[in-house]
N, C-alpha and C. Protein backbone atom coordinates (compact mmCIF):
# COMPACT_ATOMS: atom_id res chain seq x y z
N MET A 1 5.34 32.90 13.09
CA MET A 1 4.85 32.16 11.94
C MET A 1 5.46 30.76 11.99
N TYR A 2 4.60 29.76 11.87
CA TYR A 2 5.02 28.36 11.86
C TYR A 2 5.18 27.93 10.41
N SER A 3 6.21 27.18 10.12
CA SER A 3 6.48 26.68 8.78
C SER A 3 6.53 25.16 8.82
N TYR A 4 5.79 24.52 7.92
CA TYR A 4 5.69 23.06 7.86
C TYR A 4 6.03 22.59 6.46
N LYS A 5 6.99 21.70 6.34
CA LYS A 5 7.34 21.07 5.06
C LYS A 5 6.42 19.87 4.86
N THR A 6 5.64 19.91 3.80
CA THR A 6 4.64 18.88 3.55
C THR A 6 5.28 17.58 3.09
N LYS A 7 4.48 16.51 3.13
CA LYS A 7 4.93 15.18 2.72
C LYS A 7 3.87 14.53 1.84
N GLY A 8 4.25 14.13 0.63
CA GLY A 8 3.38 13.35 -0.23
C GLY A 8 2.33 14.11 -1.01
N ILE A 9 2.48 15.45 -1.13
CA ILE A 9 1.52 16.24 -1.90
C ILE A 9 2.27 17.21 -2.81
N CYS A 10 1.54 17.88 -3.71
CA CYS A 10 2.14 18.84 -4.64
C CYS A 10 2.66 20.08 -3.92
N ALA A 11 1.90 20.59 -2.96
CA ALA A 11 2.34 21.76 -2.20
C ALA A 11 3.59 21.38 -1.41
N LYS A 12 4.53 22.32 -1.32
CA LYS A 12 5.81 22.03 -0.68
C LYS A 12 5.89 22.50 0.77
N GLU A 13 5.15 23.55 1.10
CA GLU A 13 5.29 24.16 2.42
C GLU A 13 4.01 24.88 2.80
N MET A 14 3.72 24.90 4.10
CA MET A 14 2.58 25.64 4.65
C MET A 14 3.07 26.52 5.78
N ASN A 15 2.72 27.78 5.72
CA ASN A 15 3.13 28.75 6.73
C ASN A 15 1.88 29.39 7.31
N PHE A 16 1.81 29.50 8.63
CA PHE A 16 0.63 30.07 9.27
C PHE A 16 0.94 30.49 10.70
N ASP A 17 0.03 31.27 11.25
CA ASP A 17 0.05 31.64 12.67
C ASP A 17 -1.19 31.07 13.32
N ILE A 18 -1.11 30.82 14.60
CA ILE A 18 -2.30 30.52 15.41
C ILE A 18 -2.30 31.54 16.53
N VAL A 19 -3.34 32.37 16.54
CA VAL A 19 -3.47 33.43 17.54
C VAL A 19 -4.74 33.16 18.33
N ASP A 20 -4.59 32.96 19.63
CA ASP A 20 -5.74 32.66 20.50
C ASP A 20 -6.55 31.49 19.97
N GLY A 21 -5.85 30.47 19.44
CA GLY A 21 -6.51 29.26 18.97
C GLY A 21 -7.12 29.37 17.58
N VAL A 22 -6.85 30.48 16.88
CA VAL A 22 -7.47 30.75 15.58
C VAL A 22 -6.38 30.81 14.49
N ILE A 23 -6.66 30.21 13.33
CA ILE A 23 -5.73 30.21 12.20
C ILE A 23 -5.68 31.60 11.57
N ARG A 24 -4.46 32.06 11.35
CA ARG A 24 -4.23 33.36 10.71
C ARG A 24 -3.10 33.23 9.69
N ASN A 25 -3.26 33.96 8.58
CA ASN A 25 -2.18 34.15 7.59
C ASN A 25 -1.67 32.86 6.97
N LEU A 26 -2.54 31.92 6.65
CA LEU A 26 -2.10 30.69 5.99
C LEU A 26 -1.62 31.02 4.58
N LYS A 27 -0.42 30.59 4.27
CA LYS A 27 0.14 30.70 2.92
C LYS A 27 0.72 29.35 2.56
N ILE A 28 0.29 28.82 1.43
CA ILE A 28 0.75 27.51 0.97
C ILE A 28 1.60 27.72 -0.28
N VAL A 29 2.77 27.11 -0.28
CA VAL A 29 3.72 27.23 -1.39
C VAL A 29 3.58 26.01 -2.28
N GLY A 30 3.29 26.24 -3.57
CA GLY A 30 3.13 25.15 -4.52
C GLY A 30 1.70 24.62 -4.51
N GLY A 31 1.46 23.57 -5.24
CA GLY A 31 0.14 22.96 -5.29
C GLY A 31 -0.75 23.56 -6.37
N CYS A 32 -1.99 23.13 -6.39
CA CYS A 32 -2.99 23.58 -7.37
C CYS A 32 -3.50 24.95 -6.96
N LYS A 33 -3.29 25.95 -7.80
CA LYS A 33 -3.55 27.34 -7.44
C LYS A 33 -4.96 27.58 -6.89
N GLY A 34 -5.96 27.09 -7.58
CA GLY A 34 -7.34 27.32 -7.15
C GLY A 34 -7.66 26.67 -5.82
N ASN A 35 -7.27 25.42 -5.67
CA ASN A 35 -7.53 24.71 -4.42
C ASN A 35 -6.77 25.33 -3.26
N ILE A 36 -5.54 25.73 -3.50
CA ILE A 36 -4.73 26.33 -2.45
C ILE A 36 -5.34 27.65 -2.00
N LYS A 37 -5.72 28.50 -2.97
CA LYS A 37 -6.33 29.79 -2.63
C LYS A 37 -7.62 29.58 -1.83
N ALA A 38 -8.43 28.62 -2.24
CA ALA A 38 -9.68 28.33 -1.53
C ALA A 38 -9.40 27.87 -0.10
N LEU A 39 -8.44 26.98 0.07
CA LEU A 39 -8.09 26.48 1.40
C LEU A 39 -7.60 27.63 2.28
N GLU A 40 -6.74 28.48 1.73
CA GLU A 40 -6.24 29.64 2.50
C GLU A 40 -7.38 30.53 2.97
N LEU A 41 -8.32 30.81 2.08
CA LEU A 41 -9.46 31.69 2.43
C LEU A 41 -10.43 31.02 3.41
N LEU A 42 -10.69 29.74 3.20
CA LEU A 42 -11.68 29.05 4.03
C LEU A 42 -11.25 28.90 5.49
N VAL A 43 -9.97 28.64 5.73
CA VAL A 43 -9.56 28.39 7.11
C VAL A 43 -9.20 29.66 7.87
N GLU A 44 -9.02 30.78 7.18
CA GLU A 44 -8.70 32.04 7.85
C GLU A 44 -9.79 32.38 8.87
N GLY A 45 -9.39 32.54 10.12
CA GLY A 45 -10.33 32.88 11.18
C GLY A 45 -11.01 31.70 11.84
N MET A 46 -10.74 30.48 11.36
CA MET A 46 -11.34 29.29 11.98
C MET A 46 -10.53 28.86 13.20
N LYS A 47 -11.19 28.23 14.15
CA LYS A 47 -10.48 27.65 15.28
C LYS A 47 -9.61 26.51 14.77
N ALA A 48 -8.39 26.47 15.25
CA ALA A 48 -7.44 25.46 14.81
C ALA A 48 -7.99 24.05 15.03
N GLU A 49 -8.62 23.81 16.17
CA GLU A 49 -9.15 22.47 16.46
C GLU A 49 -10.26 22.09 15.49
N ASP A 50 -11.04 23.07 15.01
CA ASP A 50 -12.09 22.78 14.03
C ASP A 50 -11.50 22.42 12.67
N VAL A 51 -10.43 23.12 12.29
CA VAL A 51 -9.76 22.80 11.03
C VAL A 51 -9.23 21.37 11.07
N VAL A 52 -8.60 21.00 12.16
CA VAL A 52 -8.06 19.64 12.30
C VAL A 52 -9.18 18.61 12.18
N SER A 53 -10.26 18.80 12.90
CA SER A 53 -11.34 17.80 12.88
C SER A 53 -12.01 17.69 11.52
N LYS A 54 -12.08 18.78 10.76
CA LYS A 54 -12.74 18.75 9.45
C LYS A 54 -11.81 18.27 8.33
N MET A 55 -10.53 18.55 8.45
CA MET A 55 -9.60 18.28 7.35
C MET A 55 -8.83 16.97 7.47
N ARG A 56 -8.71 16.45 8.68
CA ARG A 56 -7.91 15.25 8.92
C ARG A 56 -8.43 14.07 8.10
N GLY A 57 -7.51 13.40 7.42
CA GLY A 57 -7.85 12.16 6.72
C GLY A 57 -8.42 12.32 5.32
N ILE A 58 -8.55 13.54 4.82
CA ILE A 58 -9.04 13.71 3.45
C ILE A 58 -7.95 13.25 2.49
N PRO A 59 -8.26 12.28 1.60
CA PRO A 59 -7.25 11.79 0.67
C PRO A 59 -7.26 12.56 -0.65
N CYS A 60 -6.13 12.58 -1.33
CA CYS A 60 -6.04 13.14 -2.68
C CYS A 60 -5.03 12.29 -3.45
N GLN A 61 -3.77 12.44 -3.10
CA GLN A 61 -2.72 11.64 -3.71
C GLN A 61 -2.29 10.60 -2.69
N GLY A 62 -2.66 9.37 -2.93
CA GLY A 62 -2.39 8.34 -1.94
C GLY A 62 -3.31 8.54 -0.75
N ASP A 63 -2.74 8.56 0.44
CA ASP A 63 -3.57 8.64 1.64
C ASP A 63 -3.53 10.00 2.31
N THR A 64 -3.05 11.03 1.61
CA THR A 64 -3.00 12.38 2.20
C THR A 64 -3.43 13.41 1.17
N SER A 65 -3.50 14.67 1.58
CA SER A 65 -3.92 15.78 0.73
C SER A 65 -3.45 17.07 1.36
N CYS A 66 -3.68 18.19 0.67
CA CYS A 66 -3.34 19.49 1.27
C CYS A 66 -4.11 19.71 2.56
N PRO A 67 -5.44 19.48 2.59
CA PRO A 67 -6.16 19.66 3.85
C PRO A 67 -5.65 18.73 4.96
N ASP A 68 -5.36 17.48 4.62
CA ASP A 68 -4.85 16.53 5.60
C ASP A 68 -3.49 16.98 6.13
N GLN A 69 -2.61 17.42 5.24
CA GLN A 69 -1.30 17.91 5.66
C GLN A 69 -1.42 19.14 6.54
N LEU A 70 -2.39 20.01 6.24
CA LEU A 70 -2.62 21.17 7.09
C LEU A 70 -3.04 20.74 8.48
N SER A 71 -3.92 19.74 8.58
CA SER A 71 -4.34 19.27 9.89
C SER A 71 -3.15 18.73 10.68
N LYS A 72 -2.24 18.04 10.01
CA LYS A 72 -1.05 17.52 10.67
C LYS A 72 -0.13 18.64 11.13
N ALA A 73 0.01 19.66 10.29
CA ALA A 73 0.85 20.81 10.65
C ALA A 73 0.30 21.54 11.87
N ILE A 74 -1.02 21.71 11.91
CA ILE A 74 -1.65 22.39 13.05
C ILE A 74 -1.44 21.59 14.31
N GLU A 75 -1.62 20.28 14.23
CA GLU A 75 -1.41 19.44 15.42
C GLU A 75 0.03 19.54 15.93
N LEU A 76 0.99 19.56 15.03
CA LEU A 76 2.38 19.70 15.44
C LEU A 76 2.62 21.06 16.11
N TYR A 77 2.01 22.08 15.56
CA TYR A 77 2.15 23.43 16.11
C TYR A 77 1.59 23.50 17.53
N MET A 78 0.43 22.87 17.72
CA MET A 78 -0.24 22.93 19.03
C MET A 78 0.45 21.97 19.99
């Protein structure tokens, strides 16, 4: 399980696995409950590279967001 400390968003940490290039078991600590739950469910089973390409650069607070931070975490993991 990879653990990433977020920067510049409400969520504090993102934990996930990548198995055979696919996102598994994403758990986000903190943040907006509904949005976090939706993000966790939506990316489960997606190819990591697809998540990065779809989520990178989405703004929310300033120039980053939970999806953007997830894309950065995945890139660091890979």
